[in-house]
Structures are given as C-alpha cells and as structure tokens.
Amino acid sequence: MTAEPLVHVAGLRKAFGGHLVLDDVSLDVQAGEAVALLGPNGAGKTTLLRVLATLTRPSRGVARVAGHDCAREADAVRRRVGLVAHGSWLYEELTALENLAFWAGLAGARPGRDEVLAALAAVELERVAGERVRTFSLGMRRRLSLARLVLARPQVLLLDEPFAGLDQRGGKWLDAHLAAFKGAGGAIVLTTHSFGRGLAVADRIAILSGGRVALDTAVGAMDADDVRRLYALHAEEA
C-alpha cells in the first residue's frame, strides 16, 4: 500500500473576485521529495504556497498536508509546516533572540532559551543574538528567518524564493539543511526563478502557467539549460 503523500493537492481552484489565480491544480509531494514550482509572475506559485500554509482558503478543491485538510484543520497543518515567505517578516526593534521567541509563541510553541540560541547557532547568528534586527544586513535577516525552520521542526517546508537575498554563508547552510531535511523524510515545496542553485535540491519541477500545472516532471539528469528549454516551451509569460 502506497503511503499518502505529505502534500496532496487535487482540483484546487482559487479566485480573488473575478480573477482566477489557480485553476484545477493537482500536485503530490512524497516524504523525502522536493518539488520546485516554476512560472512567470502571476502564475499562482505564491498563492499555492499560501493555501498550503493555511494563509489563504481555496475556492474549490482539496489541499492536505500530512493528512490534514488545509481549510478545515488549519491548526494541525500549521504545526506541521515551516514557511519562509519572500519577505522576512521580522520585527526590526526586537533582537534576534526576541524575534525567534516571539515567532515561536505565535506558532504555539514555548522553546527554552537554549533551544532558541541553538537555532541561531545553526545559522551562525549566535554572536548577534542580543542585537536588534535593524542593524542586520539583508543576508543576516534572511538567515534569521531561516532559523525558524530549526525551531519549528516541521514535516513540510514551504519556501518562497528561499535563496533570494542570502549571503554565501546562508546559501551553504540552506543547501545542507534542505538535503538533510529530505534525507530525514521531509517534503519540500519551493518557488524559484533560478534555474541553477534553486533547482539543485529539486527532485521534480512543476511549471505553472495561467493558473494550471503545464508540466510536472522529474529533474533526473537535466541541467539548467534543459530546464530553461522546458520553461520556454510550457510557460506563458504574463
């Protein structure tokens, strides 16, 4: 018997007023698998992540994470996903330590100080734990947002352009973290405009065009040029 995928989307539709953003989208992501969502701006990539993160309710169809319905069991889903949005969602007047502790509290967790410091150490920010975020560079801010993944210990990662704005140190950490996360049986859905580094972790690519999945295929031995050709063939520039 085949195990249920950690991410299951079937016949998903999302409209904002009269504007249809997702139209009959279906996608499964198994444990230990990463899927990269490609597509032009407005193709629905971020909206799909927001539905899976329970930030947006679908207009029709099914979206489940770890067996839980994203619309009807939002609290259960939130305990199982780690979301890194394109924006950092940080509070500039709080310290790095305070930001992580505050975020964890919003997610219903109560980590000890040692746990928060360990998460900062994982992204090499422990030396600035007591400094206010307004003093951080863009790369440091991105690393701090990624430290949430260490604290959350999710089953599914939802990543919106995760490598954007990362410094070299942060990029190396994220490469290693995503590989380890997959190896431990987690599932990853990420959006990217990069056909290089952003795709290195992906086992499959799903190209969204006009709110639909135009292509869902294994990466296999494909290189960045192969992906560019597929993208040009299947993606309609909006």
Protein backbone atom coordinates (compact mmCIF):
# COMPACT_ATOMS: atom_id res chain seq x y z
CA MET A 1 0.00 0.00 0.00
CA THR A 2 1.41 3.36 -1.05
CA ALA A 3 1.81 5.89 1.76
CA GLU A 4 -0.24 9.06 1.50
CA PRO A 5 1.87 11.95 0.19
CA LEU A 6 2.85 14.59 2.73
CA VAL A 7 1.42 17.22 0.37
CA HIS A 8 -1.73 16.40 -1.62
CA VAL A 9 -3.45 18.93 -3.87
CA ALA A 10 -6.34 17.94 -6.14
CA GLY A 11 -8.61 20.08 -8.32
CA LEU A 12 -7.50 23.21 -6.48
CA ARG A 13 -9.07 26.46 -7.57
CA LYS A 14 -8.54 29.95 -6.13
CA ALA A 15 -10.15 33.14 -7.33
CA PHE A 16 -9.87 36.65 -5.95
CA GLY A 17 -13.08 38.31 -7.01
CA GLY A 18 -13.31 37.75 -10.74
CA HIS A 19 -9.60 36.99 -11.08
CA LEU A 20 -8.81 33.27 -11.31
CA VAL A 21 -5.31 32.59 -9.92
CA LEU A 22 -5.31 28.78 -9.56
CA ASP A 23 -7.41 26.64 -11.90
CA ASP A 24 -7.73 22.88 -11.29
CA VAL A 25 -4.22 22.43 -9.86
CA SER A 26 -3.19 18.93 -8.72
CA LEU A 27 0.15 18.10 -7.13
CA ASP A 28 1.50 15.40 -4.79
CA VAL A 29 4.78 15.56 -2.88
CA GLN A 30 6.02 12.43 -1.14
CA ALA A 31 8.12 12.15 2.00
CA GLY A 32 11.77 12.70 1.11
CA GLU A 33 10.91 14.65 -2.03
CA ALA A 34 11.33 18.27 -3.13
CA VAL A 35 9.28 19.95 -5.86
CA ALA A 36 10.29 23.30 -7.38
CA LEU A 37 7.45 25.46 -8.67
CA LEU A 38 8.40 27.47 -11.75
CA GLY A 39 6.41 30.03 -13.66
CA PRO A 40 6.14 33.69 -14.56
CA ASN A 41 4.95 36.30 -12.10
CA GLY A 42 1.23 35.88 -11.55
CA ALA A 43 1.25 32.17 -12.41
CA GLY A 44 -0.04 31.25 -8.94
CA LYS A 45 3.12 29.89 -7.29
CA THR A 46 2.94 32.00 -4.13
CA THR A 47 -0.83 31.57 -3.89
CA LEU A 48 -0.38 27.79 -3.89
CA LEU A 49 2.13 28.06 -1.03
CA ARG A 50 -0.26 30.31 0.88
CA VAL A 51 -3.07 27.77 0.52
CA LEU A 52 -0.80 25.01 1.84
CA ALA A 53 0.29 27.27 4.72
CA THR A 54 -3.40 27.95 5.59
CA LEU A 55 -2.97 31.68 4.91
CA THR A 56 -5.44 31.59 2.01
CA ARG A 57 -8.56 29.42 1.73
CA PRO A 58 -9.13 27.68 -1.59
CA SER A 59 -12.27 28.47 -3.55
CA ARG A 60 -12.65 24.80 -4.51
CA GLY A 61 -10.72 21.53 -4.40
CA VAL A 62 -8.58 19.73 -1.86
CA ALA A 63 -5.30 20.68 -0.20
CA ARG A 64 -3.88 18.43 2.53
CA VAL A 65 -0.64 18.41 4.49
CA ALA A 66 0.34 15.26 6.40
CA GLY A 67 -3.24 14.04 6.03
CA HIS A 68 -4.82 17.22 7.40
CA ASP A 69 -7.14 19.45 5.38
CA CYS A 70 -5.67 22.94 4.97
CA ALA A 71 -9.08 24.63 5.16
CA ARG A 72 -10.78 22.59 7.90
CA GLU A 73 -7.79 21.61 10.07
CA ALA A 74 -5.66 24.74 9.88
CA ASP A 75 -4.17 24.43 13.37
CA ALA A 76 -2.99 20.87 12.72
CA VAL A 77 -1.48 21.90 9.38
CA ARG A 78 0.37 24.87 10.90
CA ARG A 79 2.05 22.59 13.40
CA ARG A 80 3.45 20.54 10.52
CA VAL A 81 4.69 23.19 8.09
CA GLY A 82 7.61 25.56 8.09
CA LEU A 83 7.04 28.62 5.91
CA VAL A 84 9.69 31.01 4.65
CA ALA A 85 7.99 33.77 2.68
CA HIS A 86 9.66 36.09 0.20
CA GLY A 87 9.57 38.83 2.84
CA SER A 88 11.46 38.29 6.10
CA TRP A 89 8.55 39.13 8.47
CA LEU A 90 10.95 40.30 11.16
CA TYR A 91 10.50 42.95 13.85
CA GLU A 92 13.33 45.44 13.49
CA GLU A 93 13.22 46.77 17.06
CA LEU A 94 13.43 43.29 18.59
CA THR A 95 16.68 41.38 18.95
CA ALA A 96 17.37 38.20 17.01
CA LEU A 97 16.64 36.17 20.13
CA GLU A 98 13.39 38.04 20.80
CA ASN A 99 12.26 37.67 17.18
CA LEU A 100 12.63 33.89 17.26
CA ALA A 101 10.99 33.53 20.67
CA PHE A 102 8.09 35.76 19.63
CA TRP A 103 7.57 33.88 16.36
CA ALA A 104 7.63 30.53 18.19
CA GLY A 105 4.99 31.83 20.62
CA LEU A 106 2.71 32.79 17.73
CA ALA A 107 3.08 29.24 16.41
CA GLY A 108 2.02 27.86 19.80
CA ALA A 109 5.48 26.72 20.89
CA ARG A 110 7.36 27.67 24.04
CA PRO A 111 11.02 26.90 23.34
CA GLY A 112 13.59 27.41 26.07
CA ARG A 113 16.35 29.98 25.73
CA ASP A 114 18.86 27.24 24.94
CA GLU A 115 16.69 26.00 22.05
CA VAL A 116 16.43 29.49 20.58
CA LEU A 117 20.18 30.02 20.91
CA ALA A 118 20.80 26.67 19.23
CA ALA A 119 18.61 27.73 16.29
CA LEU A 120 20.63 30.94 15.97
CA ALA A 121 23.85 28.97 16.17
CA ALA A 122 22.64 26.74 13.33
CA VAL A 123 22.58 29.76 11.02
CA GLU A 124 25.74 31.26 12.57
CA LEU A 125 23.99 34.19 14.25
CA GLU A 126 24.55 33.26 17.89
CA ARG A 127 27.11 36.07 18.34
CA VAL A 128 24.48 38.69 17.47
CA ALA A 129 21.61 37.10 19.45
CA GLY A 130 21.20 40.24 21.56
CA GLU A 131 21.42 42.78 18.74
CA ARG A 132 18.41 44.48 17.19
CA VAL A 133 17.44 43.30 13.74
CA ARG A 134 17.51 46.85 12.34
CA THR A 135 21.31 46.62 12.46
CA PHE A 136 21.41 43.41 10.35
CA SER A 137 22.40 43.13 6.71
CA LEU A 138 19.93 41.62 4.22
CA GLY A 139 21.80 38.32 4.30
CA MET A 140 21.69 38.19 8.09
CA ARG A 141 17.95 38.90 8.05
CA ARG A 142 17.37 36.06 5.63
CA ARG A 143 19.41 33.71 7.79
CA LEU A 144 17.40 34.76 10.84
CA SER A 145 14.16 33.98 9.01
CA LEU A 146 15.58 30.54 8.15
CA ALA A 147 16.37 29.87 11.81
CA ARG A 148 12.61 29.47 12.29
CA LEU A 149 12.85 26.20 10.38
CA VAL A 150 15.22 24.84 13.01
CA LEU A 151 12.82 25.74 15.82
CA ALA A 152 9.65 24.55 14.07
CA ARG A 153 10.86 21.00 13.23
CA PRO A 154 8.16 20.65 10.56
CA GLN A 155 7.30 17.76 8.28
CA VAL A 156 6.84 20.02 5.24
CA LEU A 157 8.82 23.08 4.15
CA LEU A 158 7.11 25.77 2.06
CA LEU A 159 9.75 28.12 0.67
CA ASP A 160 9.11 31.20 -1.47
CA GLU A 161 12.35 32.13 -3.29
CA PRO A 162 14.43 30.86 -0.35
CA PHE A 163 17.84 31.71 -1.84
CA ALA A 164 16.93 35.32 -2.73
CA GLY A 165 19.00 37.79 -0.70
CA LEU A 166 21.03 35.10 1.05
CA ASP A 167 24.74 35.67 1.55
CA GLN A 168 27.19 32.89 0.67
CA ARG A 169 27.25 31.53 4.21
CA GLY A 170 23.47 31.43 4.38
CA GLY A 171 23.23 29.74 1.00
CA LYS A 172 25.60 26.97 2.06
CA TRP A 173 23.66 26.44 5.26
CA LEU A 174 20.36 26.22 3.36
CA ASP A 175 21.77 23.73 0.84
CA ALA A 176 22.87 21.46 3.68
CA HIS A 177 19.67 21.91 5.68
CA LEU A 178 17.39 21.07 2.76
CA ALA A 179 19.42 17.98 1.86
CA ALA A 180 19.29 16.78 5.47
CA PHE A 181 15.58 17.58 5.73
CA LYS A 182 14.77 15.47 2.68
CA GLY A 183 17.02 12.71 3.90
CA ALA A 184 15.05 12.58 7.16
CA GLY A 185 11.78 12.10 5.26
CA GLY A 186 10.51 15.67 5.00
CA ALA A 187 8.77 17.13 1.94
CA ILE A 188 9.69 20.45 0.32
CA VAL A 189 7.74 22.76 -1.99
CA LEU A 190 9.72 25.78 -3.14
CA THR A 191 9.26 28.54 -5.67
CA THR A 192 12.20 29.83 -7.63
CA HIS A 193 13.13 31.91 -10.66
CA SER A 194 16.60 30.38 -10.62
CA PHE A 195 17.41 27.51 -12.93
CA GLY A 196 20.68 26.85 -11.11
CA ARG A 197 21.12 26.74 -7.37
CA GLY A 198 17.44 26.98 -6.57
CA LEU A 199 16.84 23.76 -8.52
CA ALA A 200 19.75 21.80 -7.07
CA VAL A 201 17.58 20.41 -4.27
CA ALA A 202 14.58 19.59 -6.50
CA ASP A 203 13.59 16.06 -7.47
CA ARG A 204 10.77 17.37 -9.69
CA ILE A 205 9.78 20.61 -11.33
CA ALA A 206 6.19 21.76 -11.78
CA ILE A 207 5.70 24.60 -14.23
CA LEU A 208 2.64 26.76 -13.58
CA SER A 209 1.15 28.73 -16.41
CA GLY A 210 -2.19 30.51 -16.43
CA GLY A 211 -3.03 29.07 -13.02
CA ARG A 212 -2.58 25.47 -14.17
CA VAL A 213 0.22 22.89 -13.95
CA ALA A 214 1.55 22.87 -17.50
CA LEU A 215 4.28 20.33 -16.78
CA ASP A 216 5.21 18.11 -13.82
CA THR A 217 8.37 16.09 -14.44
CA ALA A 218 11.35 14.54 -12.67
CA VAL A 219 14.58 16.53 -12.80
CA GLY A 220 16.74 13.44 -13.25
CA ALA A 221 19.87 14.29 -15.22
CA MET A 222 18.54 17.61 -16.52
CA ASP A 223 20.78 20.65 -16.23
CA ALA A 224 19.81 24.34 -16.05
CA ASP A 225 19.72 24.67 -19.86
CA ASP A 226 17.33 21.73 -20.14
CA VAL A 227 15.03 23.35 -17.58
CA ARG A 228 15.18 26.68 -19.44
CA ARG A 229 14.06 24.96 -22.64
CA LEU A 230 11.15 23.27 -20.87
CA TYR A 231 10.21 26.57 -19.26
CA ALA A 232 10.23 28.40 -22.58
CA LEU A 233 8.06 25.66 -24.09
CA HIS A 234 5.45 25.43 -21.32
CA ALA A 235 5.33 28.78 -19.52
CA GLU A 236 3.31 31.62 -20.92
CA GLU A 237 4.82 34.94 -19.94
CA ALA A 238 2.17 37.02 -18.18
